[in-house]
N, C-alpha and C. Protein backbone atom coordinates (compact mmCIF):
# COMPACT_ATOMS: atom_id res chain seq x y z
N MET A 1 11.01 -1.66 -30.20
CA MET A 1 10.99 -1.50 -28.76
C MET A 1 9.86 -2.35 -28.16
N SER A 2 10.17 -3.03 -27.08
CA SER A 2 9.19 -3.82 -26.35
C SER A 2 8.81 -3.05 -25.09
N CYS A 3 7.70 -3.44 -24.48
CA CYS A 3 7.27 -2.73 -23.28
C CYS A 3 6.58 -3.66 -22.29
N ILE A 4 6.56 -3.22 -21.05
CA ILE A 4 5.81 -3.87 -19.97
C ILE A 4 4.92 -2.81 -19.38
N HIS A 5 3.66 -3.11 -19.19
CA HIS A 5 2.72 -2.18 -18.55
C HIS A 5 2.66 -2.53 -17.07
N TYR A 6 2.87 -1.54 -16.23
CA TYR A 6 2.85 -1.78 -14.79
C TYR A 6 1.99 -0.74 -14.10
N LYS A 7 1.43 -1.13 -12.99
CA LYS A 7 0.73 -0.18 -12.13
C LYS A 7 0.90 -0.62 -10.70
N PHE A 8 0.97 0.37 -9.82
CA PHE A 8 1.01 0.06 -8.41
C PHE A 8 -0.39 -0.37 -7.98
N PHE A 9 -0.46 -1.23 -7.00
CA PHE A 9 -1.72 -1.81 -6.54
C PHE A 9 -2.75 -0.73 -6.20
N SER A 10 -2.29 0.38 -5.64
CA SER A 10 -3.20 1.43 -5.18
C SER A 10 -3.57 2.44 -6.27
N LYS A 11 -2.98 2.34 -7.45
CA LYS A 11 -3.26 3.29 -8.52
C LYS A 11 -4.24 2.73 -9.52
N LEU A 12 -4.82 3.61 -10.32
CA LEU A 12 -5.81 3.20 -11.31
C LEU A 12 -5.21 3.00 -12.70
N ASN A 13 -4.21 3.79 -13.05
CA ASN A 13 -3.68 3.78 -14.42
C ASN A 13 -2.34 3.06 -14.51
N TYR A 14 -2.12 2.49 -15.68
CA TYR A 14 -0.86 1.80 -15.96
C TYR A 14 0.17 2.78 -16.52
N ASP A 15 1.44 2.54 -16.20
CA ASP A 15 2.57 3.22 -16.81
C ASP A 15 3.33 2.18 -17.63
N THR A 16 4.31 2.64 -18.41
CA THR A 16 5.01 1.73 -19.31
C THR A 16 6.52 1.81 -19.12
N VAL A 17 7.16 0.65 -19.14
CA VAL A 17 8.61 0.54 -19.15
C VAL A 17 8.99 -0.04 -20.50
N THR A 18 9.94 0.59 -21.20
CA THR A 18 10.36 0.08 -22.50
C THR A 18 11.75 -0.56 -22.39
N PHE A 19 11.99 -1.55 -23.26
CA PHE A 19 13.26 -2.27 -23.27
C PHE A 19 13.43 -2.92 -24.63
N ASN A 20 14.61 -3.42 -24.92
CA ASN A 20 14.90 -4.13 -26.16
C ASN A 20 14.82 -5.63 -25.91
N GLY A 21 14.25 -6.36 -26.84
CA GLY A 21 14.20 -7.82 -26.73
C GLY A 21 12.78 -8.33 -26.57
N PHE A 22 12.70 -9.66 -26.37
CA PHE A 22 11.41 -10.32 -26.25
C PHE A 22 10.95 -10.46 -24.80
N HIS A 23 11.86 -10.26 -23.86
CA HIS A 23 11.54 -10.39 -22.45
C HIS A 23 12.52 -9.58 -21.62
N ILE A 24 12.19 -9.39 -20.35
CA ILE A 24 13.03 -8.65 -19.41
C ILE A 24 13.10 -9.46 -18.12
N THR A 25 14.25 -9.42 -17.46
CA THR A 25 14.35 -10.14 -16.18
C THR A 25 13.64 -9.34 -15.09
N LEU A 26 13.21 -10.04 -14.07
CA LEU A 26 12.53 -9.38 -12.96
C LEU A 26 13.43 -8.33 -12.32
N CYS A 27 14.71 -8.64 -12.17
CA CYS A 27 15.66 -7.71 -11.56
C CYS A 27 15.75 -6.41 -12.38
N ASP A 28 15.83 -6.53 -13.71
CA ASP A 28 15.90 -5.34 -14.57
C ASP A 28 14.61 -4.54 -14.53
N LEU A 29 13.48 -5.24 -14.49
CA LEU A 29 12.19 -4.56 -14.42
C LEU A 29 12.06 -3.77 -13.13
N LYS A 30 12.44 -4.38 -12.01
CA LYS A 30 12.40 -3.67 -10.73
C LYS A 30 13.28 -2.43 -10.77
N ARG A 31 14.48 -2.59 -11.33
CA ARG A 31 15.42 -1.47 -11.40
C ARG A 31 14.83 -0.31 -12.23
N GLN A 32 14.21 -0.64 -13.35
CA GLN A 32 13.61 0.41 -14.19
C GLN A 32 12.43 1.08 -13.51
N ILE A 33 11.57 0.29 -12.85
CA ILE A 33 10.41 0.87 -12.16
C ILE A 33 10.88 1.77 -11.02
N MET A 34 11.86 1.31 -10.25
CA MET A 34 12.37 2.12 -9.13
C MET A 34 12.98 3.42 -9.65
N GLY A 35 13.64 3.36 -10.78
CA GLY A 35 14.21 4.57 -11.37
C GLY A 35 13.15 5.55 -11.83
N ARG A 36 12.12 5.04 -12.48
CA ARG A 36 11.03 5.91 -12.96
C ARG A 36 10.24 6.53 -11.81
N GLU A 37 10.04 5.76 -10.75
CA GLU A 37 9.23 6.23 -9.62
C GLU A 37 10.07 6.91 -8.53
N LYS A 38 11.38 6.99 -8.75
CA LYS A 38 12.31 7.63 -7.81
C LYS A 38 12.28 6.98 -6.43
N LEU A 39 12.30 5.65 -6.43
CA LEU A 39 12.34 4.88 -5.19
C LEU A 39 13.77 4.46 -4.91
N LYS A 40 14.13 4.36 -3.64
CA LYS A 40 15.47 3.94 -3.26
C LYS A 40 15.44 2.46 -2.86
N ALA A 41 16.39 1.70 -3.39
CA ALA A 41 16.45 0.26 -3.12
C ALA A 41 16.72 -0.03 -1.65
N ALA A 42 17.33 0.90 -0.93
CA ALA A 42 17.65 0.68 0.48
C ALA A 42 16.38 0.73 1.35
N ASN A 43 15.36 1.45 0.90
CA ASN A 43 14.14 1.64 1.71
C ASN A 43 13.09 0.57 1.50
N CYS A 44 13.00 0.05 0.28
CA CYS A 44 11.91 -0.89 -0.02
C CYS A 44 12.30 -1.84 -1.13
N ASP A 45 11.47 -2.86 -1.31
CA ASP A 45 11.60 -3.79 -2.41
C ASP A 45 10.26 -3.78 -3.15
N LEU A 46 10.24 -4.32 -4.34
CA LEU A 46 9.00 -4.37 -5.11
C LEU A 46 8.55 -5.82 -5.25
N GLN A 47 7.27 -6.03 -5.00
CA GLN A 47 6.65 -7.34 -5.21
C GLN A 47 5.87 -7.22 -6.51
N ILE A 48 6.20 -8.04 -7.49
CA ILE A 48 5.60 -7.92 -8.81
C ILE A 48 4.85 -9.20 -9.15
N SER A 49 3.61 -9.03 -9.61
CA SER A 49 2.79 -10.18 -10.00
C SER A 49 2.10 -9.90 -11.33
N ASN A 50 1.79 -10.96 -12.05
CA ASN A 50 1.12 -10.86 -13.34
C ASN A 50 -0.30 -10.36 -13.11
N ALA A 51 -0.72 -9.36 -13.88
CA ALA A 51 -2.05 -8.75 -13.68
C ALA A 51 -3.18 -9.70 -14.07
N GLN A 52 -2.95 -10.58 -15.03
CA GLN A 52 -4.01 -11.49 -15.48
C GLN A 52 -4.10 -12.74 -14.62
N THR A 53 -2.96 -13.34 -14.28
CA THR A 53 -2.98 -14.63 -13.57
C THR A 53 -2.72 -14.50 -12.07
N GLN A 54 -2.34 -13.33 -11.59
CA GLN A 54 -1.96 -13.08 -10.20
C GLN A 54 -0.76 -13.91 -9.76
N GLU A 55 0.00 -14.47 -10.71
CA GLU A 55 1.21 -15.22 -10.39
C GLU A 55 2.28 -14.23 -9.94
N GLU A 56 2.85 -14.50 -8.77
CA GLU A 56 3.89 -13.61 -8.26
C GLU A 56 5.25 -14.05 -8.78
N TYR A 57 6.02 -13.09 -9.28
CA TYR A 57 7.37 -13.36 -9.75
C TYR A 57 8.31 -13.24 -8.55
N THR A 58 9.02 -14.31 -8.22
CA THR A 58 9.89 -14.28 -7.05
C THR A 58 11.37 -14.43 -7.40
N ASP A 59 11.69 -15.07 -8.51
CA ASP A 59 13.08 -15.27 -8.91
C ASP A 59 13.56 -14.05 -9.69
N ASP A 60 14.66 -13.43 -9.24
CA ASP A 60 15.17 -12.23 -9.92
C ASP A 60 15.59 -12.50 -11.36
N ASN A 61 15.83 -13.75 -11.69
CA ASN A 61 16.21 -14.10 -13.07
C ASN A 61 15.00 -14.53 -13.91
N ALA A 62 13.80 -14.46 -13.35
CA ALA A 62 12.60 -14.84 -14.09
C ALA A 62 12.43 -13.91 -15.29
N LEU A 63 12.01 -14.48 -16.40
CA LEU A 63 11.82 -13.70 -17.62
C LEU A 63 10.35 -13.32 -17.77
N ILE A 64 10.11 -12.03 -17.93
CA ILE A 64 8.75 -11.53 -18.10
C ILE A 64 8.60 -11.16 -19.58
N PRO A 65 7.63 -11.78 -20.29
CA PRO A 65 7.50 -11.53 -21.72
C PRO A 65 7.06 -10.10 -22.03
N LYS A 66 7.46 -9.63 -23.23
CA LYS A 66 7.08 -8.28 -23.64
C LYS A 66 5.56 -8.17 -23.72
N ASN A 67 5.06 -6.96 -23.59
CA ASN A 67 3.63 -6.62 -23.63
C ASN A 67 2.83 -7.23 -22.48
N SER A 68 3.50 -7.62 -21.40
CA SER A 68 2.81 -8.13 -20.21
C SER A 68 2.32 -6.96 -19.37
N SER A 69 1.32 -7.22 -18.55
CA SER A 69 0.85 -6.24 -17.57
C SER A 69 1.12 -6.82 -16.19
N VAL A 70 1.70 -6.00 -15.31
CA VAL A 70 2.03 -6.47 -13.97
C VAL A 70 1.51 -5.50 -12.93
N ILE A 71 1.28 -6.03 -11.74
CA ILE A 71 0.87 -5.24 -10.58
C ILE A 71 2.07 -5.15 -9.64
N VAL A 72 2.36 -3.95 -9.17
CA VAL A 72 3.52 -3.72 -8.32
C VAL A 72 3.06 -3.32 -6.92
N ARG A 73 3.66 -3.94 -5.92
CA ARG A 73 3.42 -3.56 -4.52
C ARG A 73 4.77 -3.22 -3.91
N ARG A 74 4.80 -2.12 -3.17
CA ARG A 74 6.03 -1.74 -2.48
C ARG A 74 6.01 -2.40 -1.11
N ILE A 75 7.09 -3.10 -0.77
CA ILE A 75 7.18 -3.79 0.51
C ILE A 75 8.47 -3.39 1.21
N PRO A 76 8.49 -3.41 2.54
CA PRO A 76 9.72 -3.04 3.25
C PRO A 76 10.81 -4.08 3.04
N VAL A 77 12.04 -3.61 3.07
CA VAL A 77 13.18 -4.51 2.94
C VAL A 77 13.27 -5.34 4.21
N ALA A 78 13.56 -6.63 4.08
CA ALA A 78 13.66 -7.52 5.24
C ALA A 78 14.77 -7.04 6.17
N GLY A 79 14.49 -7.06 7.44
CA GLY A 79 15.49 -6.67 8.43
C GLY A 79 15.42 -5.21 8.83
N VAL A 80 14.57 -4.42 8.19
CA VAL A 80 14.45 -3.01 8.56
C VAL A 80 13.49 -2.90 9.72
N LYS A 81 13.91 -2.19 10.76
CA LYS A 81 13.05 -2.01 11.93
C LYS A 81 12.20 -0.76 11.77
N ALA A 82 11.04 -0.77 12.38
CA ALA A 82 10.16 0.40 12.34
C ALA A 82 10.82 1.57 13.06
N ALA A 83 10.61 2.77 12.54
CA ALA A 83 11.25 3.95 13.11
C ALA A 83 10.60 4.38 14.42
N SER A 84 9.33 4.10 14.58
CA SER A 84 8.64 4.53 15.79
C SER A 84 8.05 3.33 16.52
N LYS A 85 7.79 3.50 17.78
CA LYS A 85 7.20 2.43 18.57
C LYS A 85 5.70 2.42 18.35
N PRO A 86 5.10 1.24 18.21
CA PRO A 86 3.65 1.18 18.05
C PRO A 86 2.95 1.48 19.37
N TYR A 87 1.80 2.08 19.31
CA TYR A 87 1.01 2.34 20.50
C TYR A 87 -0.46 2.18 20.16
N VAL A 88 -1.25 1.97 21.18
CA VAL A 88 -2.66 1.72 20.99
C VAL A 88 -3.44 2.97 21.36
N MET A 89 -4.32 3.38 20.46
CA MET A 89 -5.17 4.53 20.75
C MET A 89 -6.54 4.01 21.14
N THR A 90 -7.10 4.57 22.19
CA THR A 90 -8.45 4.18 22.57
C THR A 90 -9.41 5.26 22.12
N PRO A 91 -10.56 4.88 21.57
CA PRO A 91 -11.53 5.86 21.13
C PRO A 91 -12.07 6.67 22.32
N LYS A 92 -12.57 7.84 22.03
CA LYS A 92 -13.09 8.71 23.09
C LYS A 92 -14.29 8.09 23.79
N SER A 93 -14.99 7.19 23.12
CA SER A 93 -16.17 6.59 23.73
C SER A 93 -15.80 5.61 24.84
N HIS A 94 -14.55 5.17 24.87
CA HIS A 94 -14.10 4.26 25.92
C HIS A 94 -13.43 5.07 27.02
N LYS A 95 -14.18 5.40 28.04
CA LYS A 95 -13.62 6.18 29.14
C LYS A 95 -13.34 5.27 30.32
N ALA A 96 -12.52 5.73 31.20
CA ALA A 96 -12.20 4.96 32.39
C ALA A 96 -13.44 4.82 33.26
N PRO A 97 -13.57 3.72 34.01
CA PRO A 97 -14.74 3.53 34.87
C PRO A 97 -14.86 4.67 35.88
N GLY A 98 -16.07 5.07 36.13
CA GLY A 98 -16.32 6.13 37.11
C GLY A 98 -16.28 7.52 36.51
N THR A 99 -16.03 7.63 35.21
CA THR A 99 -15.99 8.95 34.58
C THR A 99 -17.12 9.10 33.57
N ALA A 100 -18.20 8.38 33.78
CA ALA A 100 -19.32 8.43 32.84
C ALA A 100 -19.92 9.83 32.82
N PHE A 101 -20.41 10.21 31.67
CA PHE A 101 -21.03 11.52 31.50
C PHE A 101 -22.36 11.55 32.23
N ARG A 102 -22.58 12.57 33.04
CA ARG A 102 -23.86 12.72 33.74
C ARG A 102 -24.53 14.00 33.29
N ARG A 103 -25.81 13.90 33.02
CA ARG A 103 -26.59 15.05 32.59
C ARG A 103 -27.02 15.85 33.82
N SER A 104 -26.94 17.14 33.74
CA SER A 104 -27.40 17.94 34.87
C SER A 104 -28.92 17.93 34.89
N ARG A 105 -29.49 18.25 36.03
CA ARG A 105 -30.95 18.21 36.17
C ARG A 105 -31.63 19.28 35.34
N THR A 106 -30.93 20.34 35.01
CA THR A 106 -31.57 21.42 34.25
C THR A 106 -31.50 21.16 32.76
N GLU A 107 -30.69 20.21 32.32
CA GLU A 107 -30.55 19.92 30.90
C GLU A 107 -31.56 18.86 30.50
N PRO A 108 -32.37 19.11 29.48
CA PRO A 108 -33.36 18.10 29.06
C PRO A 108 -32.66 16.94 28.36
N ALA A 109 -33.28 15.78 28.47
CA ALA A 109 -32.77 14.61 27.79
C ALA A 109 -32.92 14.82 26.28
N SER A 110 -32.08 14.22 25.50
CA SER A 110 -32.15 14.44 24.05
C SER A 110 -33.46 13.91 23.52
N GLY A 111 -34.07 14.68 22.60
CA GLY A 111 -35.32 14.29 21.98
C GLY A 111 -36.56 14.68 22.78
N THR A 112 -36.40 15.30 23.95
CA THR A 112 -37.56 15.72 24.74
C THR A 112 -37.44 17.22 24.98
N SER A 113 -38.53 17.80 25.26
CA SER A 113 -38.52 19.24 25.56
C SER A 113 -38.86 19.43 27.04
N ARG A 114 -38.43 20.54 27.58
CA ARG A 114 -38.65 20.83 28.98
C ARG A 114 -40.09 21.33 29.16
N ALA A 115 -40.79 20.79 30.15
CA ALA A 115 -42.16 21.24 30.44
C ALA A 115 -42.08 22.59 31.13
N GLU A 116 -42.92 23.50 30.70
CA GLU A 116 -42.87 24.84 31.29
C GLU A 116 -44.13 25.16 32.02
């Protein structure tokens, strides 16, 4: 049995895919990883690159040699639109003009004590 060690970019540990032969095609490797990780092909695609050389495999017929280590990134399928509309959030420190915080006369300024 031959194997390929893979890990998702955001994870620390490698998992293993086993197969027969001296190499596996990129398409077969993606299919096996998606099956193990319970990913649906309709939702995403996998970007796979060599862990040592950072060479990205782009051809589905590319042959990946046994005992290789690869890094996997999940990417959206081309043509899929975002489910929600993007919006911009403004931090609380950015208030509209004229609404600046004013200290009352009875409240001491920070770092000072009230004279009695």
